[in-house]
N, C-alpha and C. Protein backbone atom coordinates (compact mmCIF):
# COMPACT_ATOMS: atom_id res chain seq x y z
N MET A 1 -43.81 58.68 15.25
CA MET A 1 -42.47 58.23 14.89
C MET A 1 -41.51 59.41 15.12
N THR A 2 -40.39 59.12 15.74
CA THR A 2 -39.45 60.19 16.03
C THR A 2 -38.58 60.50 14.82
N ASP A 3 -37.89 61.65 14.89
CA ASP A 3 -36.98 62.01 13.80
C ASP A 3 -35.88 60.98 13.63
N VAL A 4 -35.39 60.43 14.76
CA VAL A 4 -34.34 59.41 14.68
C VAL A 4 -34.86 58.18 13.94
N GLN A 5 -36.11 57.76 14.25
CA GLN A 5 -36.67 56.61 13.56
C GLN A 5 -36.83 56.90 12.07
N ASN A 6 -37.28 58.11 11.72
CA ASN A 6 -37.42 58.45 10.31
C ASN A 6 -36.08 58.39 9.60
N GLU A 7 -35.03 58.89 10.25
CA GLU A 7 -33.70 58.85 9.63
C GLU A 7 -33.28 57.41 9.35
N THR A 8 -33.51 56.50 10.33
CA THR A 8 -33.05 55.13 10.14
C THR A 8 -33.92 54.39 9.15
N ASP A 9 -35.23 54.69 9.12
CA ASP A 9 -36.11 54.01 8.18
C ASP A 9 -35.81 54.40 6.75
N ASP A 10 -35.31 55.63 6.55
CA ASP A 10 -35.07 56.14 5.21
C ASP A 10 -33.66 55.82 4.69
N ARG A 11 -32.86 55.09 5.42
CA ARG A 11 -31.50 54.81 5.00
C ARG A 11 -31.50 53.84 3.82
N SER A 12 -30.57 54.11 2.93
CA SER A 12 -30.43 53.24 1.77
C SER A 12 -29.61 52.01 2.14
N ILE A 13 -29.67 51.04 1.27
CA ILE A 13 -28.87 49.83 1.47
C ILE A 13 -27.39 50.21 1.52
N ALA A 14 -26.97 51.14 0.68
CA ALA A 14 -25.56 51.57 0.67
C ALA A 14 -25.16 52.16 2.03
N GLN A 15 -26.05 52.96 2.63
CA GLN A 15 -25.74 53.54 3.94
C GLN A 15 -25.67 52.45 5.01
N LEU A 16 -26.56 51.49 4.94
CA LEU A 16 -26.54 50.39 5.90
C LEU A 16 -25.29 49.53 5.73
N GLU A 17 -24.90 49.32 4.46
CA GLU A 17 -23.67 48.56 4.21
C GLU A 17 -22.46 49.31 4.73
N GLU A 18 -22.47 50.65 4.61
CA GLU A 18 -21.37 51.45 5.17
C GLU A 18 -21.32 51.27 6.68
N GLU A 19 -22.47 51.30 7.33
CA GLU A 19 -22.51 51.06 8.78
C GLU A 19 -21.93 49.69 9.10
N GLY A 20 -22.32 48.70 8.32
CA GLY A 20 -21.82 47.34 8.52
C GLY A 20 -20.32 47.26 8.36
N ASP A 21 -19.78 47.94 7.35
CA ASP A 21 -18.33 47.95 7.13
C ASP A 21 -17.58 48.59 8.29
N ILE A 22 -18.10 49.72 8.78
CA ILE A 22 -17.47 50.40 9.91
C ILE A 22 -17.52 49.50 11.14
N ALA A 23 -18.68 48.88 11.37
CA ALA A 23 -18.83 47.99 12.51
C ALA A 23 -17.91 46.78 12.39
N ALA A 24 -17.80 46.23 11.20
CA ALA A 24 -16.93 45.07 11.00
C ALA A 24 -15.47 45.42 11.28
N ASP A 25 -15.04 46.59 10.84
CA ASP A 25 -13.66 47.03 11.13
C ASP A 25 -13.45 47.15 12.63
N TYR A 26 -14.43 47.73 13.33
CA TYR A 26 -14.34 47.91 14.77
C TYR A 26 -14.26 46.55 15.48
N ILE A 27 -15.13 45.62 15.10
CA ILE A 27 -15.15 44.29 15.72
C ILE A 27 -13.88 43.52 15.39
N GLU A 28 -13.41 43.66 14.15
CA GLU A 28 -12.18 42.97 13.76
C GLU A 28 -11.00 43.42 14.63
N GLU A 29 -10.91 44.72 14.90
CA GLU A 29 -9.86 45.23 15.78
C GLU A 29 -10.00 44.65 17.19
N LEU A 30 -11.24 44.56 17.67
CA LEU A 30 -11.48 43.98 18.99
C LEU A 30 -11.04 42.52 19.03
N LEU A 31 -11.40 41.76 18.01
CA LEU A 31 -11.00 40.35 17.96
C LEU A 31 -9.48 40.22 17.95
N ASP A 32 -8.81 41.09 17.20
CA ASP A 32 -7.34 41.07 17.17
C ASP A 32 -6.75 41.35 18.55
N ILE A 33 -7.30 42.36 19.22
CA ILE A 33 -6.81 42.69 20.56
C ILE A 33 -7.00 41.52 21.52
N CYS A 34 -8.14 40.84 21.41
CA CYS A 34 -8.46 39.70 22.28
C CYS A 34 -7.81 38.41 21.81
N ASP A 35 -7.12 38.45 20.66
CA ASP A 35 -6.51 37.27 20.07
C ASP A 35 -7.54 36.16 19.83
N LEU A 36 -8.69 36.57 19.26
CA LEU A 36 -9.75 35.63 18.92
C LEU A 36 -9.95 35.60 17.41
N ASP A 37 -10.30 34.43 16.90
CA ASP A 37 -10.58 34.27 15.48
C ASP A 37 -12.08 34.35 15.25
N GLY A 38 -12.45 34.95 14.15
CA GLY A 38 -13.86 35.00 13.80
C GLY A 38 -14.05 35.49 12.38
N ASP A 39 -15.06 34.96 11.74
CA ASP A 39 -15.46 35.41 10.41
C ASP A 39 -16.60 36.39 10.57
N ILE A 40 -16.52 37.52 9.89
CA ILE A 40 -17.52 38.56 10.03
C ILE A 40 -18.36 38.63 8.76
N ASP A 41 -19.67 38.55 8.95
CA ASP A 41 -20.63 38.67 7.86
C ASP A 41 -21.45 39.94 8.07
N ILE A 42 -21.70 40.65 6.98
CA ILE A 42 -22.46 41.90 7.03
C ILE A 42 -23.70 41.73 6.17
N ASP A 43 -24.83 42.18 6.69
CA ASP A 43 -26.09 42.10 5.96
C ASP A 43 -26.88 43.38 6.24
N ALA A 44 -27.74 43.76 5.34
CA ALA A 44 -28.63 44.90 5.54
C ALA A 44 -30.04 44.43 5.26
N ARG A 45 -30.90 44.53 6.29
CA ARG A 45 -32.30 44.12 6.11
C ARG A 45 -33.16 44.82 7.16
N ASN A 46 -34.41 45.02 6.83
CA ASN A 46 -35.37 45.64 7.73
C ASN A 46 -34.89 46.98 8.28
N GLY A 47 -34.18 47.74 7.45
CA GLY A 47 -33.72 49.06 7.86
C GLY A 47 -32.59 49.06 8.87
N ARG A 48 -31.90 47.93 8.99
CA ARG A 48 -30.80 47.80 9.95
C ARG A 48 -29.62 47.11 9.30
N ALA A 49 -28.44 47.45 9.79
CA ALA A 49 -27.24 46.70 9.43
C ALA A 49 -27.10 45.57 10.45
N TYR A 50 -26.81 44.38 9.97
CA TYR A 50 -26.59 43.21 10.82
C TYR A 50 -25.15 42.76 10.64
N VAL A 51 -24.44 42.63 11.73
CA VAL A 51 -23.06 42.15 11.70
C VAL A 51 -23.00 40.89 12.55
N SER A 52 -22.56 39.80 11.94
CA SER A 52 -22.45 38.52 12.64
C SER A 52 -21.01 38.08 12.69
N VAL A 53 -20.59 37.61 13.85
CA VAL A 53 -19.26 37.07 14.03
C VAL A 53 -19.42 35.58 14.32
N ASN A 54 -18.80 34.76 13.49
CA ASN A 54 -18.89 33.31 13.65
C ASN A 54 -17.50 32.73 13.57
N ALA A 55 -17.35 31.57 14.14
CA ALA A 55 -16.06 30.89 14.11
C ALA A 55 -16.29 29.39 14.14
N GLY A 56 -15.29 28.67 13.68
CA GLY A 56 -15.36 27.22 13.68
C GLY A 56 -15.09 26.64 15.06
N ASP A 57 -15.11 25.33 15.13
CA ASP A 57 -14.83 24.65 16.39
C ASP A 57 -13.44 25.02 16.89
N GLY A 58 -13.32 25.12 18.18
CA GLY A 58 -12.03 25.45 18.77
C GLY A 58 -11.80 26.93 18.98
N ALA A 59 -12.56 27.77 18.28
CA ALA A 59 -12.44 29.22 18.50
C ALA A 59 -13.14 29.54 19.81
N ASN A 60 -12.66 30.54 20.49
CA ASN A 60 -13.17 30.83 21.82
C ASN A 60 -14.13 32.02 21.84
N LEU A 61 -15.05 32.05 20.89
CA LEU A 61 -16.00 33.16 20.83
C LEU A 61 -17.00 33.13 21.98
N ASN A 62 -17.11 31.97 22.66
CA ASN A 62 -18.07 31.91 23.75
C ASN A 62 -17.77 32.92 24.84
N LEU A 63 -16.53 33.39 24.90
CA LEU A 63 -16.18 34.44 25.85
C LEU A 63 -16.94 35.73 25.55
N LEU A 64 -17.21 35.98 24.28
CA LEU A 64 -17.89 37.21 23.86
C LEU A 64 -19.37 37.03 23.56
N SER A 65 -19.86 35.78 23.54
CA SER A 65 -21.22 35.54 23.07
C SER A 65 -22.28 35.51 24.17
N LYS A 66 -21.92 35.84 25.38
CA LYS A 66 -22.90 35.92 26.46
C LYS A 66 -23.81 37.13 26.20
N PRO A 67 -25.10 37.01 26.48
CA PRO A 67 -26.06 38.08 26.13
C PRO A 67 -25.66 39.48 26.61
N ASP A 68 -25.24 39.60 27.84
CA ASP A 68 -24.87 40.94 28.34
C ASP A 68 -23.64 41.48 27.63
N THR A 69 -22.71 40.60 27.31
CA THR A 69 -21.50 41.01 26.60
C THR A 69 -21.83 41.45 25.19
N VAL A 70 -22.69 40.68 24.51
CA VAL A 70 -23.09 41.03 23.14
C VAL A 70 -23.81 42.38 23.15
N SER A 71 -24.70 42.60 24.12
CA SER A 71 -25.40 43.89 24.20
C SER A 71 -24.44 45.04 24.41
N ALA A 72 -23.47 44.85 25.30
CA ALA A 72 -22.49 45.91 25.56
C ALA A 72 -21.64 46.18 24.32
N LEU A 73 -21.18 45.11 23.66
CA LEU A 73 -20.38 45.27 22.45
C LEU A 73 -21.20 45.91 21.33
N GLN A 74 -22.48 45.57 21.27
CA GLN A 74 -23.34 46.18 20.26
C GLN A 74 -23.44 47.68 20.49
N GLU A 75 -23.59 48.10 21.74
CA GLU A 75 -23.68 49.54 22.03
C GLU A 75 -22.36 50.24 21.70
N LEU A 76 -21.24 49.63 22.04
CA LEU A 76 -19.94 50.22 21.70
C LEU A 76 -19.76 50.31 20.19
N THR A 77 -20.19 49.27 19.49
CA THR A 77 -20.07 49.25 18.03
C THR A 77 -20.97 50.32 17.42
N ARG A 78 -22.18 50.47 17.95
CA ARG A 78 -23.09 51.52 17.47
C ARG A 78 -22.46 52.90 17.66
N LEU A 79 -21.81 53.11 18.80
CA LEU A 79 -21.15 54.39 19.05
C LEU A 79 -20.02 54.63 18.07
N ALA A 80 -19.27 53.58 17.75
CA ALA A 80 -18.19 53.71 16.78
C ALA A 80 -18.75 54.09 15.41
N VAL A 81 -19.87 53.46 15.03
CA VAL A 81 -20.51 53.77 13.75
C VAL A 81 -21.02 55.21 13.77
N GLN A 82 -21.68 55.59 14.84
CA GLN A 82 -22.23 56.94 14.94
C GLN A 82 -21.14 57.99 14.90
N THR A 83 -20.00 57.71 15.52
CA THR A 83 -18.89 58.64 15.51
C THR A 83 -18.38 58.87 14.09
N LYS A 84 -18.33 57.80 13.29
CA LYS A 84 -17.82 57.94 11.91
C LYS A 84 -18.86 58.51 10.95
N THR A 85 -20.14 58.18 11.16
CA THR A 85 -21.16 58.62 10.20
C THR A 85 -21.90 59.87 10.65
N GLY A 86 -21.91 60.14 11.94
CA GLY A 86 -22.67 61.26 12.47
C GLY A 86 -24.16 60.99 12.57
N VAL A 87 -24.56 59.73 12.38
CA VAL A 87 -25.98 59.35 12.38
C VAL A 87 -26.19 58.19 13.36
N PHE A 88 -27.30 58.26 14.12
CA PHE A 88 -27.67 57.18 15.03
C PHE A 88 -27.79 55.86 14.27
N SER A 89 -27.29 54.79 14.86
CA SER A 89 -27.31 53.48 14.22
C SER A 89 -28.21 52.52 14.99
N ARG A 90 -28.97 51.72 14.25
CA ARG A 90 -29.79 50.65 14.84
C ARG A 90 -29.16 49.29 14.55
N LEU A 91 -27.88 49.27 14.35
CA LEU A 91 -27.12 48.07 14.02
C LEU A 91 -27.39 46.95 15.02
N ILE A 92 -27.42 45.73 14.53
CA ILE A 92 -27.57 44.55 15.37
C ILE A 92 -26.29 43.73 15.24
N LEU A 93 -25.73 43.36 16.38
CA LEU A 93 -24.52 42.55 16.43
C LEU A 93 -24.87 41.17 16.95
N ASP A 94 -24.38 40.16 16.28
CA ASP A 94 -24.55 38.77 16.73
C ASP A 94 -23.17 38.15 16.83
N ILE A 95 -22.91 37.50 17.93
CA ILE A 95 -21.63 36.83 18.11
C ILE A 95 -21.89 35.37 18.42
N GLY A 96 -21.37 34.50 17.57
CA GLY A 96 -21.47 33.07 17.79
C GLY A 96 -22.89 32.54 17.89
N GLY A 97 -23.84 33.16 17.17
CA GLY A 97 -25.21 32.68 17.18
C GLY A 97 -26.00 33.07 18.42
N SER A 98 -25.48 34.03 19.18
CA SER A 98 -26.14 34.42 20.43
C SER A 98 -27.54 34.94 20.22
N ARG A 99 -27.80 35.60 19.10
CA ARG A 99 -29.14 36.14 18.84
C ARG A 99 -30.15 35.01 18.64
N ASP A 100 -29.76 33.93 17.96
CA ASP A 100 -30.66 32.79 17.79
C ASP A 100 -30.95 32.13 19.12
N VAL A 101 -29.92 32.01 19.96
CA VAL A 101 -30.11 31.43 21.29
C VAL A 101 -31.11 32.27 22.08
N ARG A 102 -30.93 33.60 22.05
CA ARG A 102 -31.83 34.48 22.79
C ARG A 102 -33.23 34.44 22.22
N ARG A 103 -33.36 34.35 20.89
CA ARG A 103 -34.70 34.26 20.29
C ARG A 103 -35.40 33.00 20.78
N ASN A 104 -34.69 31.89 20.89
CA ASN A 104 -35.27 30.65 21.40
C ASN A 104 -35.68 30.79 22.86
N GLU A 105 -34.87 31.49 23.66
CA GLU A 105 -35.23 31.74 25.06
C GLU A 105 -36.50 32.57 25.13
N LEU A 106 -36.59 33.60 24.30
CA LEU A 106 -37.78 34.45 24.28
C LEU A 106 -39.01 33.65 23.84
N ALA A 107 -38.83 32.75 22.88
CA ALA A 107 -39.94 31.91 22.44
C ALA A 107 -40.46 31.06 23.60
N GLY A 108 -39.54 30.57 24.44
CA GLY A 108 -39.95 29.82 25.62
C GLY A 108 -40.74 30.67 26.59
N LEU A 109 -40.29 31.92 26.81
CA LEU A 109 -41.03 32.85 27.68
C LEU A 109 -42.43 33.10 27.13
N VAL A 110 -42.52 33.33 25.83
CA VAL A 110 -43.81 33.57 25.20
C VAL A 110 -44.71 32.34 25.34
N ASN A 111 -44.16 31.16 25.12
CA ASN A 111 -44.96 29.93 25.23
C ASN A 111 -45.53 29.78 26.64
N ARG A 112 -44.71 30.03 27.66
CA ARG A 112 -45.20 29.91 29.04
C ARG A 112 -46.25 30.97 29.34
N ALA A 113 -46.06 32.18 28.82
CA ALA A 113 -47.04 33.25 29.03
C ALA A 113 -48.37 32.90 28.36
N VAL A 114 -48.32 32.38 27.14
CA VAL A 114 -49.53 31.99 26.42
C VAL A 114 -50.24 30.86 27.18
N GLU A 115 -49.49 29.92 27.74
CA GLU A 115 -50.09 28.84 28.52
C GLU A 115 -50.84 29.40 29.72
N ARG A 116 -50.27 30.43 30.39
CA ARG A 116 -50.95 31.05 31.54
C ARG A 116 -52.26 31.69 31.09
N ILE A 117 -52.23 32.36 29.94
CA ILE A 117 -53.44 33.00 29.43
C ILE A 117 -54.47 31.94 29.04
N GLU A 118 -54.03 30.90 28.37
CA GLU A 118 -54.95 29.82 27.99
C GLU A 118 -55.51 29.12 29.23
N GLY A 119 -54.77 29.20 30.34
CA GLY A 119 -55.22 28.63 31.60
C GLY A 119 -56.14 29.53 32.39
N GLY A 120 -56.44 30.73 31.85
CA GLY A 120 -57.41 31.60 32.49
C GLY A 120 -56.90 32.96 32.92
N ALA A 121 -55.60 33.20 32.87
CA ALA A 121 -55.08 34.52 33.25
C ALA A 121 -55.52 35.55 32.22
N ALA A 122 -55.81 36.78 32.69
CA ALA A 122 -56.23 37.85 31.78
C ALA A 122 -55.06 38.36 30.96
N GLU A 123 -53.88 38.35 31.57
CA GLU A 123 -52.68 38.82 30.87
C GLU A 123 -51.45 38.18 31.51
N ALA A 124 -50.35 38.27 30.80
CA ALA A 124 -49.08 37.76 31.32
C ALA A 124 -48.01 38.79 31.01
N ALA A 125 -47.23 39.14 32.03
CA ALA A 125 -46.16 40.12 31.87
C ALA A 125 -44.82 39.41 31.74
N LEU A 126 -44.02 39.88 30.82
CA LEU A 126 -42.66 39.37 30.66
C LEU A 126 -41.70 40.34 31.34
N PRO A 127 -40.50 39.89 31.67
CA PRO A 127 -39.55 40.79 32.33
C PRO A 127 -39.08 41.90 31.39
N PRO A 128 -38.52 42.96 31.95
CA PRO A 128 -37.98 44.04 31.11
C PRO A 128 -36.92 43.50 30.16
N MET A 129 -36.87 44.10 28.96
CA MET A 129 -35.88 43.69 27.96
C MET A 129 -35.66 44.83 26.99
N SER A 130 -34.66 44.67 26.15
CA SER A 130 -34.31 45.70 25.17
C SER A 130 -35.40 45.85 24.12
N SER A 131 -35.36 46.97 23.40
CA SER A 131 -36.36 47.21 22.36
C SER A 131 -36.27 46.13 21.27
N TYR A 132 -35.07 45.70 20.95
CA TYR A 132 -34.91 44.65 19.95
C TYR A 132 -35.58 43.36 20.42
N GLU A 133 -35.36 42.99 21.68
CA GLU A 133 -35.97 41.78 22.21
C GLU A 133 -37.49 41.91 22.29
N ARG A 134 -37.98 43.10 22.67
CA ARG A 134 -39.43 43.30 22.71
C ARG A 134 -40.02 43.15 21.30
N LYS A 135 -39.33 43.64 20.28
CA LYS A 135 -39.79 43.48 18.90
C LYS A 135 -39.90 41.99 18.54
N LEU A 136 -38.88 41.22 18.94
CA LEU A 136 -38.94 39.78 18.69
C LEU A 136 -40.14 39.16 19.39
N VAL A 137 -40.37 39.58 20.64
CA VAL A 137 -41.50 39.05 21.41
C VAL A 137 -42.81 39.41 20.73
N HIS A 138 -42.96 40.66 20.30
CA HIS A 138 -44.20 41.06 19.61
C HIS A 138 -44.44 40.19 18.38
N ASP A 139 -43.39 39.90 17.63
CA ASP A 139 -43.53 39.04 16.45
C ASP A 139 -43.94 37.62 16.84
N LEU A 140 -43.31 37.07 17.88
CA LEU A 140 -43.63 35.71 18.34
C LEU A 140 -45.07 35.63 18.85
N VAL A 141 -45.49 36.64 19.59
CA VAL A 141 -46.85 36.68 20.14
C VAL A 141 -47.87 36.75 19.00
N SER A 142 -47.61 37.60 18.02
CA SER A 142 -48.50 37.74 16.89
C SER A 142 -48.64 36.43 16.13
N GLU A 143 -47.53 35.72 15.97
CA GLU A 143 -47.56 34.43 15.28
C GLU A 143 -48.48 33.44 16.00
N ARG A 144 -48.60 33.59 17.31
CA ARG A 144 -49.44 32.69 18.11
C ARG A 144 -50.90 33.14 18.16
N GLY A 145 -51.20 34.32 17.54
CA GLY A 145 -52.57 34.82 17.50
C GLY A 145 -52.97 35.59 18.76
N PHE A 146 -52.01 36.03 19.52
CA PHE A 146 -52.28 36.81 20.73
C PHE A 146 -51.86 38.25 20.50
N HIS A 147 -52.14 39.11 21.48
CA HIS A 147 -51.84 40.54 21.40
C HIS A 147 -50.75 40.86 22.42
N SER A 148 -49.88 41.80 22.08
CA SER A 148 -48.86 42.25 23.03
C SER A 148 -48.68 43.75 22.92
N GLU A 149 -48.26 44.34 24.02
CA GLU A 149 -47.93 45.75 24.03
C GLU A 149 -46.82 45.97 25.04
N SER A 150 -46.04 47.01 24.80
CA SER A 150 -44.97 47.37 25.72
C SER A 150 -45.49 48.39 26.71
N ARG A 151 -45.06 48.22 27.96
CA ARG A 151 -45.43 49.16 29.02
C ARG A 151 -44.20 49.49 29.84
N GLY A 152 -44.28 50.62 30.52
CA GLY A 152 -43.17 51.03 31.39
C GLY A 152 -42.22 51.95 30.65
N GLU A 153 -41.24 52.42 31.39
CA GLU A 153 -40.27 53.37 30.84
C GLU A 153 -38.85 52.88 31.10
N GLY A 154 -37.95 53.27 30.22
CA GLY A 154 -36.52 53.00 30.41
C GLY A 154 -36.22 51.54 30.66
N ALA A 155 -35.43 51.27 31.70
CA ALA A 155 -34.98 49.91 32.00
C ALA A 155 -36.13 49.02 32.48
N ASP A 156 -37.28 49.62 32.83
CA ASP A 156 -38.44 48.84 33.29
C ASP A 156 -39.42 48.52 32.17
N ARG A 157 -39.12 48.91 30.93
CA ARG A 157 -40.05 48.67 29.82
C ARG A 157 -40.13 47.17 29.57
N HIS A 158 -41.35 46.68 29.54
CA HIS A 158 -41.59 45.25 29.41
C HIS A 158 -42.80 45.00 28.51
N THR A 159 -43.07 43.75 28.25
CA THR A 159 -44.16 43.37 27.35
C THR A 159 -45.28 42.68 28.13
N ILE A 160 -46.51 43.05 27.82
CA ILE A 160 -47.70 42.43 28.37
C ILE A 160 -48.39 41.68 27.22
N ILE A 161 -48.77 40.43 27.48
CA ILE A 161 -49.43 39.60 26.47
C ILE A 161 -50.87 39.36 26.93
N THR A 162 -51.82 39.52 25.98
CA THR A 162 -53.23 39.26 26.23
C THR A 162 -53.81 38.47 25.06
N ARG A 163 -55.05 38.04 25.23
CA ARG A 163 -55.73 37.36 24.12
C ARG A 163 -55.89 38.31 22.95
N GLY A 164 -55.92 37.77 21.75
CA GLY A 164 -56.13 38.60 20.55
C GLY A 164 -57.46 39.30 20.61
N ALA A 165 -57.56 40.41 19.89
CA ALA A 165 -58.79 41.21 19.91
C ALA A 165 -59.89 40.57 19.12
């Protein structure tokens, strides 16, 4: 475990809530600049601050809820938090339920990979994805009773699924 991971694992709920507050202020300013409406919810769980932006019907959050846009905004928001706190942030940003949509997409990838293994393949490789997405995949694979591991470096890091041990 790296020093950065130890720092984030040891954060108190108060520190995570502070990260969430800083992130919410940053996102609120962005929404104002874009003239978009959204309700911001802050949560702290699993050693991370979670910031969700939701809006009712008619709000145009779909402009910001595309996966690549959410990832970019999450990185910018993390930098804003790090600038104010001086500490690396593992904050997760969700806009308009985009994280649930992506989790469902990942579940579909896992299901197809498991089908290939059940059909006789020794292993199934998924495409490269972020560490957060790989964590979701590892959880989904484990729920299905299979084994997964990450391989590769940097932007090529991906998940391999095999039969359980």
